[in-house]
C-alpha atoms as a PDB file:
ATOM      1  CA  UNK A   1     131.228 259.173  92.440  1.00  0.00           C
ATOM      2  CA  UNK A   2     134.762 258.944  91.079  1.00  0.00           C
ATOM      3  CA  UNK A   3     136.149 261.917  89.183  1.00  0.00           C
ATOM      4  CA  UNK A   4     139.285 261.976  87.078  1.00  0.00           C
ATOM      5  CA  UNK A   5     140.529 265.544  87.447  1.00  0.00           C
ATOM      6  CA  UNK A   6     143.055 266.548  84.792  1.00  0.00           C
ATOM      7  CA  UNK A   7     145.006 269.788  84.884  1.00  0.00           C
ATOM      8  CA  UNK A   8     145.893 271.399  81.563  1.00  0.00           C
ATOM      9  CA  UNK A   9     149.494 271.409  80.256  1.00  0.00           C
ATOM     10  CA  UNK A  10     151.837 274.337  80.936  1.00  0.00           C
ATOM     11  CA  UNK A  11     150.331 277.532  79.482  1.00  0.00           C
ATOM     12  CA  UNK A  12     152.210 279.445  76.822  1.00  0.00           C
ATOM     13  CA  UNK A  13     152.750 282.665  78.746  1.00  0.00           C
ATOM     14  CA  UNK A  14     155.801 284.412  80.144  1.00  0.00           C
ATOM     15  CA  UNK A  15     156.823 283.588  83.696  1.00  0.00           C
ATOM     16  CA  UNK A  16     155.718 286.114  86.286  1.00  0.00           C
ATOM     17  CA  UNK A  17     152.486 287.102  84.528  1.00  0.00           C
ATOM     18  CA  UNK A  18     149.180 286.827  86.368  1.00  0.00           C
ATOM     19  CA  UNK A  19     146.692 284.670  84.522  1.00  0.00           C
ATOM     20  CA  UNK A  20     143.528 283.027  85.685  1.00  0.00           C
ATOM     21  CA  UNK A  21     140.747 283.355  83.153  1.00  0.00           C
ATOM     22  CA  UNK A  22     143.111 284.808  80.547  1.00  0.00           C
ATOM     23  CA  UNK A  23     142.383 282.606  77.519  1.00  0.00           C
ATOM     24  CA  UNK A  24     145.802 281.327  76.456  1.00  0.00           C
ATOM     25  CA  UNK A  25     146.944 278.121  74.739  1.00  0.00           C
ATOM     26  CA  UNK A  26     149.044 275.417  76.391  1.00  0.00           C
ATOM     27  CA  UNK A  27     152.043 273.333  75.367  1.00  0.00           C
ATOM     28  CA  UNK A  28     151.260 270.385  73.116  1.00  0.00           C
ATOM     29  CA  UNK A  29     147.799 269.244  74.243  1.00  0.00           C
ATOM     30  CA  UNK A  30     147.907 266.231  71.888  1.00  0.00           C
ATOM     31  CA  UNK A  31     151.027 264.848  73.585  1.00  0.00           C
ATOM     32  CA  UNK A  32     149.466 265.371  77.032  1.00  0.00           C
ATOM     33  CA  UNK A  33     146.263 263.637  75.904  1.00  0.00           C
ATOM     34  CA  UNK A  34     148.197 260.635  74.601  1.00  0.00           C
ATOM     35  CA  UNK A  35     149.920 260.273  77.982  1.00  0.00           C
ATOM     36  CA  UNK A  36     146.777 260.835  80.077  1.00  0.00           C
ATOM     37  CA  UNK A  37     144.171 258.898  78.095  1.00  0.00           C
ATOM     38  CA  UNK A  38     145.369 255.400  79.154  1.00  0.00           C
ATOM     39  CA  UNK A  39     145.033 256.442  82.804  1.00  0.00           C
ATOM     40  CA  UNK A  40     141.262 256.970  82.704  1.00  0.00           C
ATOM     41  CA  UNK A  41     138.528 254.371  82.245  1.00  0.00           C
ATOM     42  CA  UNK A  42     137.057 254.378  78.735  1.00  0.00           C
ATOM     43  CA  UNK A  43     133.619 255.742  77.955  1.00  0.00           C
ATOM     44  CA  UNK A  44     133.289 258.238  80.803  1.00  0.00           C
ATOM     45  CA  UNK A  45     131.603 261.607  80.217  1.00  0.00           C
ATOM     46  CA  UNK A  46     134.128 264.362  79.464  1.00  0.00           C
ATOM     47  CA  UNK A  47     133.739 267.866  80.910  1.00  0.00           C
ATOM     48  CA  UNK A  48     136.068 270.832  80.492  1.00  0.00           C
ATOM     49  CA  UNK A  49     136.669 274.424  81.382  1.00  0.00           C
ATOM     50  CA  UNK A  50     135.885 276.553  78.322  1.00  0.00           C
ATOM     51  CA  UNK A  51     139.327 278.191  78.499  1.00  0.00           C
ATOM     52  CA  UNK A  52     141.546 277.205  75.576  1.00  0.00           C
ATOM     53  CA  UNK A  53     144.314 275.539  77.585  1.00  0.00           C
ATOM     54  CA  UNK A  54     141.749 273.049  78.927  1.00  0.00           C
ATOM     55  CA  UNK A  55     139.413 272.903  75.945  1.00  0.00           C
ATOM     56  CA  UNK A  56     142.268 271.966  73.568  1.00  0.00           C
ATOM     57  CA  UNK A  57     143.383 269.142  75.886  1.00  0.00           C
ATOM     58  CA  UNK A  58     139.801 267.908  76.284  1.00  0.00           C
ATOM     59  CA  UNK A  59     139.336 267.855  72.502  1.00  0.00           C
ATOM     60  CA  UNK A  60     142.576 265.886  72.160  1.00  0.00           C
ATOM     61  CA  UNK A  61     141.346 263.414  74.813  1.00  0.00           C
ATOM     62  CA  UNK A  62     138.071 263.014  72.906  1.00  0.00           C
ATOM     63  CA  UNK A  63     140.076 262.378  69.727  1.00  0.00           C
ATOM     64  CA  UNK A  64     142.161 259.757  71.572  1.00  0.00           C
ATOM     65  CA  UNK A  65     138.926 258.071  72.661  1.00  0.00           C
ATOM     66  CA  UNK A  66     137.592 258.084  69.107  1.00  0.00           C
ATOM     67  CA  UNK A  67     140.839 256.799  67.642  1.00  0.00           C
ATOM     68  CA  UNK A  68     141.487 254.107  70.230  1.00  0.00           C
ATOM     69  CA  UNK A  69     137.989 252.923  71.021  1.00  0.00           C
ATOM     70  CA  UNK A  70     136.426 253.460  67.628  1.00  0.00           C
ATOM     71  CA  UNK A  71     133.751 255.771  69.005  1.00  0.00           C
ATOM     72  CA  UNK A  72     133.808 259.380  70.072  1.00  0.00           C
ATOM     73  CA  UNK A  73     133.263 260.867  73.494  1.00  0.00           C
ATOM     74  CA  UNK A  74     131.023 263.901  73.821  1.00  0.00           C
ATOM     75  CA  UNK A  75     132.716 266.934  75.305  1.00  0.00           C
ATOM     76  CA  UNK A  76     130.746 269.361  77.468  1.00  0.00           C
ATOM     77  CA  UNK A  77     132.083 272.778  78.495  1.00  0.00           C
ATOM     78  CA  UNK A  78     131.092 274.493  81.732  1.00  0.00           C
ATOM     79  CA  UNK A  79     132.170 277.976  82.842  1.00  0.00           C
ATOM     80  CA  UNK A  80     132.112 276.878  86.498  1.00  0.00           C
ATOM     81  CA  UNK A  81     135.253 274.851  85.705  1.00  0.00           C
ATOM     82  CA  UNK A  82     137.224 277.971  84.677  1.00  0.00           C
ATOM     83  CA  UNK A  83     140.179 279.150  86.737  1.00  0.00           C
ATOM     84  CA  UNK A  84     139.802 281.940  89.302  1.00  0.00           C
ATOM     85  CA  UNK A  85     139.072 285.338  87.775  1.00  0.00           C
ATOM     86  CA  UNK A  86     141.835 287.786  88.667  1.00  0.00           C
ATOM     87  CA  UNK A  87     139.918 290.689  87.117  1.00  0.00           C
ATOM     88  CA  UNK A  88     142.128 293.698  86.352  1.00  0.00           C
ATOM     89  CA  UNK A  89     145.213 291.704  87.345  1.00  0.00           C
ATOM     90  CA  UNK A  90     144.817 289.359  84.350  1.00  0.00           C
ATOM     91  CA  UNK A  91     147.744 289.552  81.930  1.00  0.00           C
ATOM     92  CA  UNK A  92     149.781 291.891  84.137  1.00  0.00           C
ATOM     93  CA  UNK A  93     153.183 291.037  85.587  1.00  0.00           C
ATOM     94  CA  UNK A  94     152.784 290.247  89.276  1.00  0.00           C
ATOM     95  CA  UNK A  95     155.323 292.939  90.143  1.00  0.00           C
ATOM     96  CA  UNK A  96     153.204 295.557  88.295  1.00  0.00           C
ATOM     97  CA  UNK A  97     150.139 294.956  90.477  1.00  0.00           C
ATOM     98  CA  UNK A  98     149.809 297.718  93.103  1.00  0.00           C
ATOM     99  CA  UNK A  99     151.436 296.687  96.370  1.00  0.00           C
ATOM    100  CA  UNK A 100     148.372 297.801  98.357  1.00  0.00           C
ATOM    101  CA  UNK A 101     146.204 295.317  96.431  1.00  0.00           C
ATOM    102  CA  UNK A 102     148.645 292.452  97.015  1.00  0.00           C
ATOM    103  CA  UNK A 103     148.790 293.370 100.725  1.00  0.00           C
ATOM    104  CA  UNK A 104     144.978 293.417 100.921  1.00  0.00           C
ATOM    105  CA  UNK A 105     144.895 289.949  99.361  1.00  0.00           C
ATOM    106  CA  UNK A 106     147.535 288.666 101.795  1.00  0.00           C
ATOM    107  CA  UNK A 107     145.496 290.040 104.715  1.00  0.00           C
ATOM    108  CA  UNK A 108     142.350 288.149 103.605  1.00  0.00           C
ATOM    109  CA  UNK A 109     143.414 285.330 101.281  1.00  0.00           C
ATOM    110  CA  UNK A 110     139.967 283.710 101.135  1.00  0.00           C
ATOM    111  CA  UNK A 111     137.779 286.790 100.981  1.00  0.00           C
ATOM    112  CA  UNK A 112     139.737 289.296  98.900  1.00  0.00           C
ATOM    113  CA  UNK A 113     138.760 289.702  95.241  1.00  0.00           C
ATOM    114  CA  UNK A 114     141.036 291.646  92.890  1.00  0.00           C
ATOM    115  CA  UNK A 115     139.252 294.577  91.203  1.00  0.00           C
ATOM    116  CA  UNK A 116     136.752 293.078  88.752  1.00  0.00           C
ATOM    117  CA  UNK A 117     137.650 289.525  89.826  1.00  0.00           C
ATOM    118  CA  UNK A 118     136.585 286.928  92.362  1.00  0.00           C
ATOM    119  CA  UNK A 119     137.842 285.700  95.714  1.00  0.00           C
ATOM    120  CA  UNK A 120     138.999 282.129  96.416  1.00  0.00           C
ATOM    121  CA  UNK A 121     135.796 281.579  98.421  1.00  0.00           C
ATOM    122  CA  UNK A 122     133.755 282.651  95.380  1.00  0.00           C
ATOM    123  CA  UNK A 123     135.792 280.295  93.186  1.00  0.00           C
ATOM    124  CA  UNK A 124     135.152 277.424  95.586  1.00  0.00           C
ATOM    125  CA  UNK A 125     131.413 278.164  95.713  1.00  0.00           C
ATOM    126  CA  UNK A 126     131.037 277.906  91.922  1.00  0.00           C
ATOM    127  CA  UNK A 127     133.263 274.811  91.768  1.00  0.00           C
ATOM    128  CA  UNK A 128     131.207 273.053  94.441  1.00  0.00           C
ATOM    129  CA  UNK A 129     128.014 274.100  92.642  1.00  0.00           C
ATOM    130  CA  UNK A 130     129.277 272.313  89.523  1.00  0.00           C
ATOM    131  CA  UNK A 131     130.271 269.141  91.369  1.00  0.00           C
ATOM    132  CA  UNK A 132     127.100 269.021  93.458  1.00  0.00           C
ATOM    133  CA  UNK A 133     124.991 269.240  90.271  1.00  0.00           C
ATOM    134  CA  UNK A 134     127.076 266.899  88.132  1.00  0.00           C
ATOM    135  CA  UNK A 135     124.608 264.409  86.620  1.00  0.00           C
ATOM    136  CA  UNK A 136     127.115 261.566  86.241  1.00  0.00           C
ATOM    137  CA  UNK A 137     128.511 259.348  88.957  1.00  0.00           C
ATOM    138  CA  UNK A 138     131.922 259.107  87.263  1.00  0.00           C
ATOM    139  CA  UNK A 139     133.462 261.603  84.837  1.00  0.00           C
ATOM    140  CA  UNK A 140     136.664 263.033  83.411  1.00  0.00           C
ATOM    141  CA  UNK A 141     137.099 266.741  84.172  1.00  0.00           C
ATOM    142  CA  UNK A 142     139.737 268.864  82.393  1.00  0.00           C
ATOM    143  CA  UNK A 143     140.324 271.999  84.413  1.00  0.00           C
ATOM    144  CA  UNK A 144     142.775 274.192  86.332  1.00  0.00           C
ATOM    145  CA  UNK A 145     144.862 273.973  89.494  1.00  0.00           C
ATOM    146  CA  UNK A 146     142.600 276.442  91.333  1.00  0.00           C
ATOM    147  CA  UNK A 147     139.504 274.361  90.594  1.00  0.00           C
ATOM    148  CA  UNK A 148     141.164 271.080  91.585  1.00  0.00           C
ATOM    149  CA  UNK A 149     142.698 272.551  94.731  1.00  0.00           C
ATOM    150  CA  UNK A 150     139.427 274.185  95.806  1.00  0.00           C
ATOM    151  CA  UNK A 151     137.596 270.847  95.511  1.00  0.00           C
ATOM    152  CA  UNK A 152     140.303 268.939  97.394  1.00  0.00           C
ATOM    153  CA  UNK A 153     140.492 271.714 100.003  1.00  0.00           C
ATOM    154  CA  UNK A 154     136.736 271.513 100.590  1.00  0.00           C
ATOM    155  CA  UNK A 155     137.151 267.759 101.020  1.00  0.00           C
ATOM    156  CA  UNK A 156     139.974 268.227 103.534  1.00  0.00           C
ATOM    157  CA  UNK A 157     138.628 271.328 105.287  1.00  0.00           C
ATOM    158  CA  UNK A 158     141.607 273.481 104.259  1.00  0.00           C
ATOM    159  CA  UNK A 159     141.328 277.296 104.158  1.00  0.00           C
ATOM    160  CA  UNK A 160     142.456 279.114 100.978  1.00  0.00           C
ATOM    161  CA  UNK A 161     145.816 280.115 102.457  1.00  0.00           C
ATOM    162  CA  UNK A 162     146.700 276.386 102.494  1.00  0.00           C
ATOM    163  CA  UNK A 163     145.418 275.430  99.012  1.00  0.00           C
ATOM    164  CA  UNK A 164     148.911 275.718  97.486  1.00  0.00           C
ATOM    165  CA  UNK A 165     149.987 272.817  99.716  1.00  0.00           C
ATOM    166  CA  UNK A 166     147.904 270.548  97.465  1.00  0.00           C
ATOM    167  CA  UNK A 167     150.065 269.243  94.610  1.00  0.00           C
ATOM    168  CA  UNK A 168     148.674 269.779  91.123  1.00  0.00           C
ATOM    169  CA  UNK A 169     151.291 269.576  88.347  1.00  0.00           C
ATOM    170  CA  UNK A 170     150.656 270.557  84.754  1.00  0.00           C
ATOM    171  CA  UNK A 171     149.125 267.752  82.642  1.00  0.00           C
ATOM    172  CA  UNK A 172     148.538 265.634  85.740  1.00  0.00           C
ATOM    173  CA  UNK A 173     145.679 263.402  86.848  1.00  0.00           C
ATOM    174  CA  UNK A 174     144.092 263.427  90.303  1.00  0.00           C
ATOM    175  CA  UNK A 175     141.422 260.860  91.126  1.00  0.00           C
ATOM    176  CA  UNK A 176     138.800 262.058  93.626  1.00  0.00           C
ATOM    177  CA  UNK A 177     135.808 260.218  94.950  1.00  0.00           C
ATOM    178  CA  UNK A 178     132.738 260.825  97.022  1.00  0.00           C
ATOM    179  CA  UNK A 179     131.971 257.952  99.334  1.00  0.00           C
ATOM    180  CA  UNK A 180     128.594 256.141  99.120  1.00  0.00           C
ATOM    181  CA  UNK A 181     127.605 257.593 102.504  1.00  0.00           C
ATOM    182  CA  UNK A 182     127.715 261.060 100.962  1.00  0.00           C
ATOM    183  CA  UNK A 183     131.073 262.114 102.374  1.00  0.00           C
ATOM    184  CA  UNK A 184     134.035 262.993 100.223  1.00  0.00           C
ATOM    185  CA  UNK A 185     137.453 261.435  99.980  1.00  0.00           C
ATOM    186  CA  UNK A 186     140.504 261.696  97.751  1.00  0.00           C
ATOM    187  CA  UNK A 187     141.771 258.574  96.029  1.00  0.00           C
ATOM    188  CA  UNK A 188     145.063 257.998  94.212  1.00  0.00           C
END
């Protein structure tokens, strides 16, 4: 299994605002698609987070495939590919979130869930559920940094407090593969 993991372009939101599953657009998805499309093998299944910043990029990638190859690529959306849910923190400036909640998160990075949201361990569980049930051997996945990092972290045995060490720039491609023996390994 070889997966082409694509992170969405920079979201159109003010700096310092907490967003996870907040449904916001991203900068110029068509330009990002034009740059990314030549980096993936043609004809692969295309999956995306349903959130607009990913969905718009995935639609632009499908359009690139139709325009360049003469045939379209079907796009499938899956909620398990959405970014972490920050619950009541969504859309709030980070400095407006109660200090006690931030401290509780810092004390248990993997297990703490913001009010109405999910923890990094819960995010990783749904992400791994998606990848373990993926019907294709190879696919293009348009998603978020949290999803990509949680998959790579599972592969490398990293706890959530170390996930930010895994590089994942906006509008970037990460190639990941599962070895034939059933293990996992990152490629690039």
